[in-house]
């Protein structure tokens, strides 16, 4: 799972969450009160998708729990606009 505390996720877009676990391990993920579950496949991958959210200044929490006892919590997630700036050192041209 590649989320970190304080991350901003894109508003109005489905939210994919994925990761790795041993084959057959069930992973339950909760994001902002919505829960999804998946079982790791033969490639030791799992994924779930959450519905799009509206922009908000209220942070939400993501929690992932595996059936073998491992868990991870990511806090202070905001939903808004995500922008990326790319280019060379001469950004005026």
PDB file of N, CA and C in Angstrom:
ATOM      1  N   UNK A   1       0.855  -1.157   0.000  1.00  0.00           N
ATOM      2  CA  UNK A   1       0.000   0.000   0.000  1.00  0.00           C
ATOM      3  C   UNK A   1       0.910   1.231   0.000  1.00  0.00           C
ATOM      4  N   UNK A   2       0.651   2.159  -0.899  1.00  0.00           N
ATOM      5  CA  UNK A   2       1.562   3.288  -1.088  1.00  0.00           C
ATOM      6  C   UNK A   2       0.924   4.625  -0.750  1.00  0.00           C
ATOM      7  N   UNK A   3       0.271   4.707   0.381  1.00  0.00           N
ATOM      8  CA  UNK A   3      -0.251   5.962   0.894  1.00  0.00           C
ATOM      9  C   UNK A   3       0.598   6.354   2.093  1.00  0.00           C
ATOM     10  N   UNK A   4       0.630   7.655   2.403  1.00  0.00           N
ATOM     11  CA  UNK A   4       1.375   8.121   3.566  1.00  0.00           C
ATOM     12  C   UNK A   4       0.539   9.165   4.292  1.00  0.00           C
ATOM     13  N   UNK A   5       0.857   9.408   5.557  1.00  0.00           N
ATOM     14  CA  UNK A   5       0.146  10.426   6.321  1.00  0.00           C
ATOM     15  C   UNK A   5       0.213  11.762   5.587  1.00  0.00           C
ATOM     16  N   UNK A   6      -0.909  12.491   5.579  1.00  0.00           N
ATOM     17  CA  UNK A   6      -0.947  13.823   4.991  1.00  0.00           C
ATOM     18  C   UNK A   6      -1.082  13.858   3.483  1.00  0.00           C
ATOM     19  N   UNK A   7      -1.345  12.726   2.849  1.00  0.00           N
ATOM     20  CA  UNK A   7      -1.464  12.692   1.397  1.00  0.00           C
ATOM     21  C   UNK A   7      -2.742  13.409   0.948  1.00  0.00           C
ATOM     22  N   UNK A   8      -2.732  13.915  -0.271  1.00  0.00           N
ATOM     23  CA  UNK A   8      -3.931  14.482  -0.901  1.00  0.00           C
ATOM     24  C   UNK A   8      -4.308  13.564  -2.056  1.00  0.00           C
ATOM     25  N   UNK A   9      -5.560  13.111  -2.077  1.00  0.00           N
ATOM     26  CA  UNK A   9      -6.025  12.267  -3.169  1.00  0.00           C
ATOM     27  C   UNK A   9      -7.003  13.060  -4.027  1.00  0.00           C
ATOM     28  N   UNK A  10      -7.061  12.710  -5.317  1.00  0.00           N
ATOM     29  CA  UNK A  10      -7.838  13.461  -6.303  1.00  0.00           C
ATOM     30  C   UNK A  10      -9.334  13.328  -6.066  1.00  0.00           C
ATOM     31  N   UNK A  11     -10.007  14.452  -6.027  1.00  0.00           N
ATOM     32  CA  UNK A  11     -11.470  14.462  -5.873  1.00  0.00           C
ATOM     33  C   UNK A  11     -12.141  13.954  -7.146  1.00  0.00           C
ATOM     34  N   UNK A  12     -13.377  13.493  -7.019  1.00  0.00           N
ATOM     35  CA  UNK A  12     -14.233  13.086  -8.141  1.00  0.00           C
ATOM     36  C   UNK A  12     -13.643  11.984  -9.009  1.00  0.00           C
ATOM     37  N   UNK A  13     -12.723  11.177  -8.457  1.00  0.00           N
ATOM     38  CA  UNK A  13     -12.144  10.038  -9.176  1.00  0.00           C
ATOM     39  C   UNK A  13     -12.204   8.806  -8.281  1.00  0.00           C
ATOM     40  N   UNK A  14     -12.481   7.629  -8.858  1.00  0.00           N
ATOM     41  CA  UNK A  14     -12.424   6.413  -8.035  1.00  0.00           C
ATOM     42  C   UNK A  14     -11.044   6.295  -7.393  1.00  0.00           C
ATOM     43  N   UNK A  15     -10.990   5.692  -6.219  1.00  0.00           N
ATOM     44  CA  UNK A  15      -9.748   5.630  -5.444  1.00  0.00           C
ATOM     45  C   UNK A  15      -9.276   4.174  -5.365  1.00  0.00           C
ATOM     46  N   UNK A  16      -8.245   3.820  -6.140  1.00  0.00           N
ATOM     47  CA  UNK A  16      -7.715   2.461  -6.051  1.00  0.00           C
ATOM     48  C   UNK A  16      -6.730   2.342  -4.888  1.00  0.00           C
ATOM     49  N   UNK A  17      -6.799   1.240  -4.183  1.00  0.00           N
ATOM     50  CA  UNK A  17      -5.844   0.931  -3.116  1.00  0.00           C
ATOM     51  C   UNK A  17      -5.383  -0.492  -3.380  1.00  0.00           C
ATOM     52  N   UNK A  18      -4.082  -0.711  -3.391  1.00  0.00           N
ATOM     53  CA  UNK A  18      -3.564  -2.044  -3.698  1.00  0.00           C
ATOM     54  C   UNK A  18      -2.289  -2.303  -2.919  1.00  0.00           C
ATOM     55  N   UNK A  19      -1.898  -3.561  -2.914  1.00  0.00           N
ATOM     56  CA  UNK A  19      -0.680  -3.924  -2.207  1.00  0.00           C
ATOM     57  C   UNK A  19      -0.347  -5.385  -2.407  1.00  0.00           C
ATOM     58  N   UNK A  20       0.535  -5.875  -1.557  1.00  0.00           N
ATOM     59  CA  UNK A  20       1.021  -7.249  -1.656  1.00  0.00           C
ATOM     60  C   UNK A  20       0.827  -7.971  -0.332  1.00  0.00           C
ATOM     61  N   UNK A  21       0.502  -9.236  -0.421  1.00  0.00           N
ATOM     62  CA  UNK A  21       0.361 -10.096   0.755  1.00  0.00           C
ATOM     63  C   UNK A  21       0.530 -11.536   0.275  1.00  0.00           C
ATOM     64  N   UNK A  22       0.799 -12.435   1.171  1.00  0.00           N
ATOM     65  CA  UNK A  22       0.910 -13.845   0.801  1.00  0.00           C
ATOM     66  C   UNK A  22      -0.393 -14.342   0.211  1.00  0.00           C
ATOM     67  N   UNK A  23      -0.300 -15.231  -0.769  1.00  0.00           N
ATOM     68  CA  UNK A  23      -1.475 -15.787  -1.436  1.00  0.00           C
ATOM     69  C   UNK A  23      -2.475 -16.287  -0.397  1.00  0.00           C
ATOM     70  N   UNK A  24      -3.746 -15.906  -0.589  1.00  0.00           N
ATOM     71  CA  UNK A  24      -4.822 -16.359   0.284  1.00  0.00           C
ATOM     72  C   UNK A  24      -5.087 -15.483   1.491  1.00  0.00           C
ATOM     73  N   UNK A  25      -4.216 -14.514   1.771  1.00  0.00           N
ATOM     74  CA  UNK A  25      -4.426 -13.616   2.906  1.00  0.00           C
ATOM     75  C   UNK A  25      -5.531 -12.622   2.545  1.00  0.00           C
ATOM     76  N   UNK A  26      -6.501 -12.468   3.427  1.00  0.00           N
ATOM     77  CA  UNK A  26      -7.569 -11.487   3.204  1.00  0.00           C
ATOM     78  C   UNK A  26      -7.132 -10.141   3.777  1.00  0.00           C
ATOM     79  N   UNK A  27      -7.351  -9.095   2.992  1.00  0.00           N
ATOM     80  CA  UNK A  27      -7.023  -7.735   3.410  1.00  0.00           C
ATOM     81  C   UNK A  27      -8.316  -6.929   3.427  1.00  0.00           C
ATOM     82  N   UNK A  28      -8.571  -6.271   4.548  1.00  0.00           N
ATOM     83  CA  UNK A  28      -9.750  -5.425   4.695  1.00  0.00           C
ATOM     84  C   UNK A  28      -9.278  -3.985   4.820  1.00  0.00           C
ATOM     85  N   UNK A  29      -9.791  -3.126   3.938  1.00  0.00           N
ATOM     86  CA  UNK A  29      -9.370  -1.726   3.890  1.00  0.00           C
ATOM     87  C   UNK A  29     -10.577  -0.845   4.169  1.00  0.00           C
ATOM     88  N   UNK A  30     -10.392   0.112   5.071  1.00  0.00           N
ATOM     89  CA  UNK A  30     -11.442   1.081   5.373  1.00  0.00           C
ATOM     90  C   UNK A  30     -10.915   2.470   5.044  1.00  0.00           C
ATOM     91  N   UNK A  31     -11.673   3.225   4.263  1.00  0.00           N
ATOM     92  CA  UNK A  31     -11.314   4.589   3.882  1.00  0.00           C
ATOM     93  C   UNK A  31     -12.510   5.485   4.134  1.00  0.00           C
ATOM     94  N   UNK A  32     -12.356   6.402   5.079  1.00  0.00           N
ATOM     95  CA  UNK A  32     -13.429   7.347   5.361  1.00  0.00           C
ATOM     96  C   UNK A  32     -14.755   6.696   5.697  1.00  0.00           C
ATOM     97  N   UNK A  33     -14.731   5.570   6.390  1.00  0.00           N
ATOM     98  CA  UNK A  33     -15.963   4.908   6.800  1.00  0.00           C
ATOM     99  C   UNK A  33     -16.489   3.874   5.829  1.00  0.00           C
ATOM    100  N   UNK A  34     -15.898   3.713   4.656  1.00  0.00           N
ATOM    101  CA  UNK A  34     -16.303   2.705   3.675  1.00  0.00           C
ATOM    102  C   UNK A  34     -15.288   1.568   3.734  1.00  0.00           C
ATOM    103  N   UNK A  35     -15.780   0.327   3.767  1.00  0.00           N
ATOM    104  CA  UNK A  35     -14.894  -0.830   3.891  1.00  0.00           C
ATOM    105  C   UNK A  35     -14.995  -1.718   2.655  1.00  0.00           C
ATOM    106  N   UNK A  36     -13.831  -2.193   2.203  1.00  0.00           N
ATOM    107  CA  UNK A  36     -13.724  -3.135   1.086  1.00  0.00           C
ATOM    108  C   UNK A  36     -12.755  -4.241   1.502  1.00  0.00           C
ATOM    109  N   UNK A  37     -12.949  -5.448   0.940  1.00  0.00           N
ATOM    110  CA  UNK A  37     -12.050  -6.566   1.235  1.00  0.00           C
ATOM    111  C   UNK A  37     -11.603  -7.233  -0.050  1.00  0.00           C
ATOM    112  N   UNK A  38     -10.412  -7.838   0.006  1.00  0.00           N
ATOM    113  CA  UNK A  38      -9.867  -8.584  -1.127  1.00  0.00           C
ATOM    114  C   UNK A  38      -8.994  -9.697  -0.586  1.00  0.00           C
ATOM    115  N   UNK A  39      -8.770 -10.714  -1.416  1.00  0.00           N
ATOM    116  CA  UNK A  39      -7.882 -11.816  -1.061  1.00  0.00           C
ATOM    117  C   UNK A  39      -6.699 -11.780  -2.018  1.00  0.00           C
ATOM    118  N   UNK A  40      -5.493 -11.901  -1.481  1.00  0.00           N
ATOM    119  CA  UNK A  40      -4.288 -11.876  -2.313  1.00  0.00           C
ATOM    120  C   UNK A  40      -4.300 -13.069  -3.273  1.00  0.00           C
ATOM    121  N   UNK A  41      -3.962 -12.796  -4.532  1.00  0.00           N
ATOM    122  CA  UNK A  41      -4.001 -13.824  -5.569  1.00  0.00           C
ATOM    123  C   UNK A  41      -2.678 -14.601  -5.644  1.00  0.00           C
ATOM    124  N   UNK A  42      -2.544 -15.423  -6.670  1.00  0.00           N
ATOM    125  CA  UNK A  42      -1.344 -16.248  -6.844  1.00  0.00           C
ATOM    126  C   UNK A  42      -0.083 -15.407  -7.042  1.00  0.00           C
ATOM    127  N   UNK A  43      -0.236 -14.187  -7.521  1.00  0.00           N
ATOM    128  CA  UNK A  43       0.909 -13.280  -7.685  1.00  0.00           C
ATOM    129  C   UNK A  43       1.158 -12.464  -6.416  1.00  0.00           C
ATOM    130  N   UNK A  44       0.441 -12.793  -5.350  1.00  0.00           N
ATOM    131  CA  UNK A  44       0.538 -12.129  -4.047  1.00  0.00           C
ATOM    132  C   UNK A  44       0.127 -10.652  -4.126  1.00  0.00           C
ATOM    133  N   UNK A  45      -0.845 -10.352  -4.989  1.00  0.00           N
ATOM    134  CA  UNK A  45      -1.356  -8.988  -5.160  1.00  0.00           C
ATOM    135  C   UNK A  45      -2.809  -8.935  -4.693  1.00  0.00           C
ATOM    136  N   UNK A  46      -3.205  -7.791  -4.184  1.00  0.00           N
ATOM    137  CA  UNK A  46      -4.600  -7.541  -3.851  1.00  0.00           C
ATOM    138  C   UNK A  46      -4.933  -6.104  -4.244  1.00  0.00           C
ATOM    139  N   UNK A  47      -6.211  -5.845  -4.498  1.00  0.00           N
ATOM    140  CA  UNK A  47      -6.618  -4.466  -4.806  1.00  0.00           C
ATOM    141  C   UNK A  47      -8.100  -4.295  -4.487  1.00  0.00           C
ATOM    142  N   UNK A  48      -8.441  -3.084  -4.100  1.00  0.00           N
ATOM    143  CA  UNK A  48      -9.822  -2.689  -3.874  1.00  0.00           C
ATOM    144  C   UNK A  48     -10.001  -1.293  -4.476  1.00  0.00           C
ATOM    145  N   UNK A  49     -11.236  -0.909  -4.685  1.00  0.00           N
ATOM    146  CA  UNK A  49     -11.518   0.420  -5.228  1.00  0.00           C
ATOM    147  C   UNK A  49     -12.633   1.060  -4.407  1.00  0.00           C
ATOM    148  N   UNK A  50     -12.473   2.346  -4.159  1.00  0.00           N
ATOM    149  CA  UNK A  50     -13.463   3.103  -3.403  1.00  0.00           C
ATOM    150  C   UNK A  50     -14.127   4.115  -4.325  1.00  0.00           C
ATOM    151  N   UNK A  51     -15.379   4.468  -4.031  1.00  0.00           N
ATOM    152  CA  UNK A  51     -16.068   5.450  -4.866  1.00  0.00           C
ATOM    153  C   UNK A  51     -15.415   6.827  -4.759  1.00  0.00           C
ATOM    154  N   UNK A  52     -15.616   7.611  -5.791  1.00  0.00           N
ATOM    155  CA  UNK A  52     -15.093   8.977  -5.831  1.00  0.00           C
ATOM    156  C   UNK A  52     -15.626   9.783  -4.651  1.00  0.00           C
ATOM    157  N   UNK A  53     -14.796  10.681  -4.157  1.00  0.00           N
ATOM    158  CA  UNK A  53     -15.173  11.560  -3.055  1.00  0.00           C
ATOM    159  C   UNK A  53     -15.121  13.010  -3.502  1.00  0.00           C
ATOM    160  N   UNK A  54     -15.906  13.839  -2.880  1.00  0.00           N
ATOM    161  CA  UNK A  54     -15.869  15.280  -3.134  1.00  0.00           C
ATOM    162  C   UNK A  54     -14.728  15.910  -2.349  1.00  0.00           C
ATOM    163  N   UNK A  55     -14.278  17.067  -2.787  1.00  0.00           N
ATOM    164  CA  UNK A  55     -13.219  17.787  -2.080  1.00  0.00           C
ATOM    165  C   UNK A  55     -13.692  18.127  -0.668  1.00  0.00           C
ATOM    166  N   UNK A  56     -12.753  18.061   0.271  1.00  0.00           N
ATOM    167  CA  UNK A  56     -13.097  18.339   1.654  1.00  0.00           C
ATOM    168  C   UNK A  56     -11.867  18.797   2.423  1.00  0.00           C
ATOM    169  N   UNK A  57     -12.104  19.667   3.405  1.00  0.00           N
ATOM    170  CA  UNK A  57     -11.015  20.092   4.288  1.00  0.00           C
ATOM    171  C   UNK A  57     -10.964  19.230   5.553  1.00  0.00           C
ATOM    172  N   UNK A  58     -11.879  18.275   5.671  1.00  0.00           N
ATOM    173  CA  UNK A  58     -11.902  17.368   6.815  1.00  0.00           C
ATOM    174  C   UNK A  58     -11.065  16.131   6.470  1.00  0.00           C
ATOM    175  N   UNK A  59      -9.999  15.860   7.223  1.00  0.00           N
ATOM    176  CA  UNK A  59      -9.168  14.697   6.918  1.00  0.00           C
ATOM    177  C   UNK A  59      -9.884  13.382   7.207  1.00  0.00           C
ATOM    178  N   UNK A  60      -9.530  12.349   6.433  1.00  0.00           N
ATOM    179  CA  UNK A  60     -10.059  11.013   6.648  1.00  0.00           C
ATOM    180  C   UNK A  60      -8.894  10.065   6.933  1.00  0.00           C
ATOM    181  N   UNK A  61      -9.219   8.859   7.347  1.00  0.00           N
ATOM    182  CA  UNK A  61      -8.217   7.857   7.700  1.00  0.00           C
ATOM    183  C   UNK A  61      -8.403   6.619   6.841  1.00  0.00           C
ATOM    184  N   UNK A  62      -7.296   5.992   6.473  1.00  0.00           N
ATOM    185  CA  UNK A  62      -7.298   4.729   5.762  1.00  0.00           C
ATOM    186  C   UNK A  62      -6.651   3.686   6.672  1.00  0.00           C
ATOM    187  N   UNK A  63      -7.339   2.547   6.844  1.00  0.00           N
ATOM    188  CA  UNK A  63      -6.798   1.459   7.642  1.00  0.00           C
ATOM    189  C   UNK A  63      -6.843   0.181   6.823  1.00  0.00           C
ATOM    190  N   UNK A  64      -5.731  -0.541   6.776  1.00  0.00           N
ATOM    191  CA  UNK A  64      -5.666  -1.841   6.106  1.00  0.00           C
ATOM    192  C   UNK A  64      -5.294  -2.889   7.143  1.00  0.00           C
ATOM    193  N   UNK A  65      -6.083  -3.971   7.194  1.00  0.00           N
ATOM    194  CA  UNK A  65      -5.831  -5.051   8.148  1.00  0.00           C
ATOM    195  C   UNK A  65      -5.809  -6.369   7.390  1.00  0.00           C
ATOM    196  N   UNK A  66      -4.761  -7.150   7.620  1.00  0.00           N
ATOM    197  CA  UNK A  66      -4.632  -8.458   6.992  1.00  0.00           C
ATOM    198  C   UNK A  66      -5.094  -9.548   7.944  1.00  0.00           C
ATOM    199  N   UNK A  67      -5.581 -10.647   7.376  1.00  0.00           N
ATOM    200  CA  UNK A  67      -6.103 -11.733   8.199  1.00  0.00           C
ATOM    201  C   UNK A  67      -5.025 -12.402   9.044  1.00  0.00           C
ATOM    202  N   UNK A  68      -3.758 -12.193   8.751  1.00  0.00           N
ATOM    203  CA  UNK A  68      -2.692 -12.784   9.563  1.00  0.00           C
ATOM    204  C   UNK A  68      -2.214 -11.837  10.666  1.00  0.00           C
ATOM    205  N   UNK A  69      -2.897 -10.692  10.850  1.00  0.00           N
ATOM    206  CA  UNK A  69      -2.607  -9.815  11.976  1.00  0.00           C
ATOM    207  C   UNK A  69      -1.883  -8.523  11.659  1.00  0.00           C
ATOM    208  N   UNK A  70      -1.284  -8.397  10.488  1.00  0.00           N
ATOM    209  CA  UNK A  70      -0.577  -7.163  10.139  1.00  0.00           C
ATOM    210  C   UNK A  70      -1.597  -6.063   9.814  1.00  0.00           C
ATOM    211  N   UNK A  71      -1.289  -4.834  10.227  1.00  0.00           N
ATOM    212  CA  UNK A  71      -2.188  -3.716   9.903  1.00  0.00           C
ATOM    213  C   UNK A  71      -1.383  -2.448   9.691  1.00  0.00           C
ATOM    214  N   UNK A  72      -2.009  -1.507   9.016  1.00  0.00           N
ATOM    215  CA  UNK A  72      -1.375  -0.203   8.768  1.00  0.00           C
ATOM    216  C   UNK A  72      -2.462   0.849   8.747  1.00  0.00           C
ATOM    217  N   UNK A  73      -2.168   2.014   9.353  1.00  0.00           N
ATOM    218  CA  UNK A  73      -3.105   3.130   9.377  1.00  0.00           C
ATOM    219  C   UNK A  73      -2.424   4.352   8.776  1.00  0.00           C
ATOM    220  N   UNK A  74      -3.150   5.040   7.893  1.00  0.00           N
ATOM    221  CA  UNK A  74      -2.676   6.278   7.287  1.00  0.00           C
ATOM    222  C   UNK A  74      -3.671   7.362   7.674  1.00  0.00           C
ATOM    223  N   UNK A  75      -3.162   8.429   8.282  1.00  0.00           N
ATOM    224  CA  UNK A  75      -4.039   9.473   8.811  1.00  0.00           C
ATOM    225  C   UNK A  75      -3.895  10.785   8.046  1.00  0.00           C
ATOM    226  N   UNK A  76      -4.850  11.670   8.288  1.00  0.00           N
ATOM    227  CA  UNK A  76      -4.850  13.031   7.730  1.00  0.00           C
ATOM    228  C   UNK A  76      -4.826  13.051   6.214  1.00  0.00           C
ATOM    229  N   UNK A  77      -5.639  12.201   5.587  1.00  0.00           N
ATOM    230  CA  UNK A  77      -5.781  12.188   4.134  1.00  0.00           C
ATOM    231  C   UNK A  77      -6.798  13.251   3.755  1.00  0.00           C
ATOM    232  N   UNK A  78      -6.429  14.105   2.811  1.00  0.00           N
ATOM    233  CA  UNK A  78      -7.353  15.119   2.306  1.00  0.00           C
ATOM    234  C   UNK A  78      -7.762  14.774   0.880  1.00  0.00           C
ATOM    235  N   UNK A  79      -8.973  15.191   0.507  1.00  0.00           N
ATOM    236  CA  UNK A  79      -9.481  14.992  -0.845  1.00  0.00           C
ATOM    237  C   UNK A  79      -9.558  16.362  -1.496  1.00  0.00           C
ATOM    238  N   UNK A  80      -8.929  16.504  -2.651  1.00  0.00           N
ATOM    239  CA  UNK A  80      -8.933  17.801  -3.336  1.00  0.00           C
ATOM    240  C   UNK A  80      -8.390  17.663  -4.737  1.00  0.00           C
ATOM    241  N   UNK A  81      -7.761  18.701  -5.220  1.00  0.00           N
ATOM    242  CA  UNK A  81      -7.146  18.674  -6.547  1.00  0.00           C
ATOM    243  C   UNK A  81      -5.674  18.366  -6.410  1.00  0.00           C
ATOM    244  N   UNK A  82      -5.185  17.497  -7.265  1.00  0.00           N
ATOM    245  CA  UNK A  82      -3.782  17.119  -7.283  1.00  0.00           C
ATOM    246  C   UNK A  82      -3.192  17.620  -8.592  1.00  0.00           C
ATOM    247  N   UNK A  83      -2.135  18.421  -8.498  1.00  0.00           N
ATOM    248  CA  UNK A  83      -1.489  18.991  -9.677  1.00  0.00           C
ATOM    249  C   UNK A  83      -0.029  18.584  -9.710  1.00  0.00           C
ATOM    250  N   UNK A  84       0.467  18.338 -10.899  1.00  0.00           N
ATOM    251  CA  UNK A  84       1.873  18.019 -11.080  1.00  0.00           C
ATOM    252  C   UNK A  84       2.467  19.021 -12.048  1.00  0.00           C
ATOM    253  N   UNK A  85       3.615  19.568 -11.719  1.00  0.00           N
ATOM    254  CA  UNK A  85       4.322  20.507 -12.586  1.00  0.00           C
ATOM    255  C   UNK A  85       5.572  19.820 -13.089  1.00  0.00           C
ATOM    256  N   UNK A  86       5.729  19.738 -14.385  1.00  0.00           N
ATOM    257  CA  UNK A  86       6.927  19.119 -14.952  1.00  0.00           C
ATOM    258  C   UNK A  86       7.563  20.091 -15.923  1.00  0.00           C
ATOM    259  N   UNK A  87       8.810  19.889 -16.186  1.00  0.00           N
ATOM    260  CA  UNK A  87       9.497  20.738 -17.162  1.00  0.00           C
ATOM    261  C   UNK A  87      10.946  20.896 -16.785  1.00  0.00           C
ATOM    262  N   UNK A  88      11.637  21.701 -17.562  1.00  0.00           N
ATOM    263  CA  UNK A  88      13.050  21.964 -17.322  1.00  0.00           C
ATOM    264  C   UNK A  88      13.226  23.122 -16.358  1.00  0.00           C
ATOM    265  N   UNK A  89      14.442  23.597 -16.275  1.00  0.00           N
ATOM    266  CA  UNK A  89      14.745  24.689 -15.356  1.00  0.00           C
ATOM    267  C   UNK A  89      14.237  26.029 -15.862  1.00  0.00           C
ATOM    268  N   UNK A  90      13.924  26.123 -17.157  1.00  0.00           N
ATOM    269  CA  UNK A  90      13.405  27.366 -17.723  1.00  0.00           C
ATOM    270  C   UNK A  90      11.879  27.270 -17.844  1.00  0.00           C
ATOM    271  N   UNK A  91      11.199  27.377 -16.741  1.00  0.00           N
ATOM    272  CA  UNK A  91       9.750  27.181 -16.733  1.00  0.00           C
ATOM    273  C   UNK A  91       8.990  28.320 -17.403  1.00  0.00           C
ATOM    274  N   UNK A  92       9.674  29.377 -17.816  1.00  0.00           N
ATOM    275  CA  UNK A  92       8.968  30.483 -18.479  1.00  0.00           C
ATOM    276  C   UNK A  92       8.891  30.280 -19.982  1.00  0.00           C
ATOM    277  N   UNK A  93       9.540  29.257 -20.519  1.00  0.00           N
ATOM    278  CA  UNK A  93       9.495  29.034 -21.983  1.00  0.00           C
ATOM    279  C   UNK A  93       8.840  27.743 -22.334  1.00  0.00           C
TER     280      UNK A  93
END
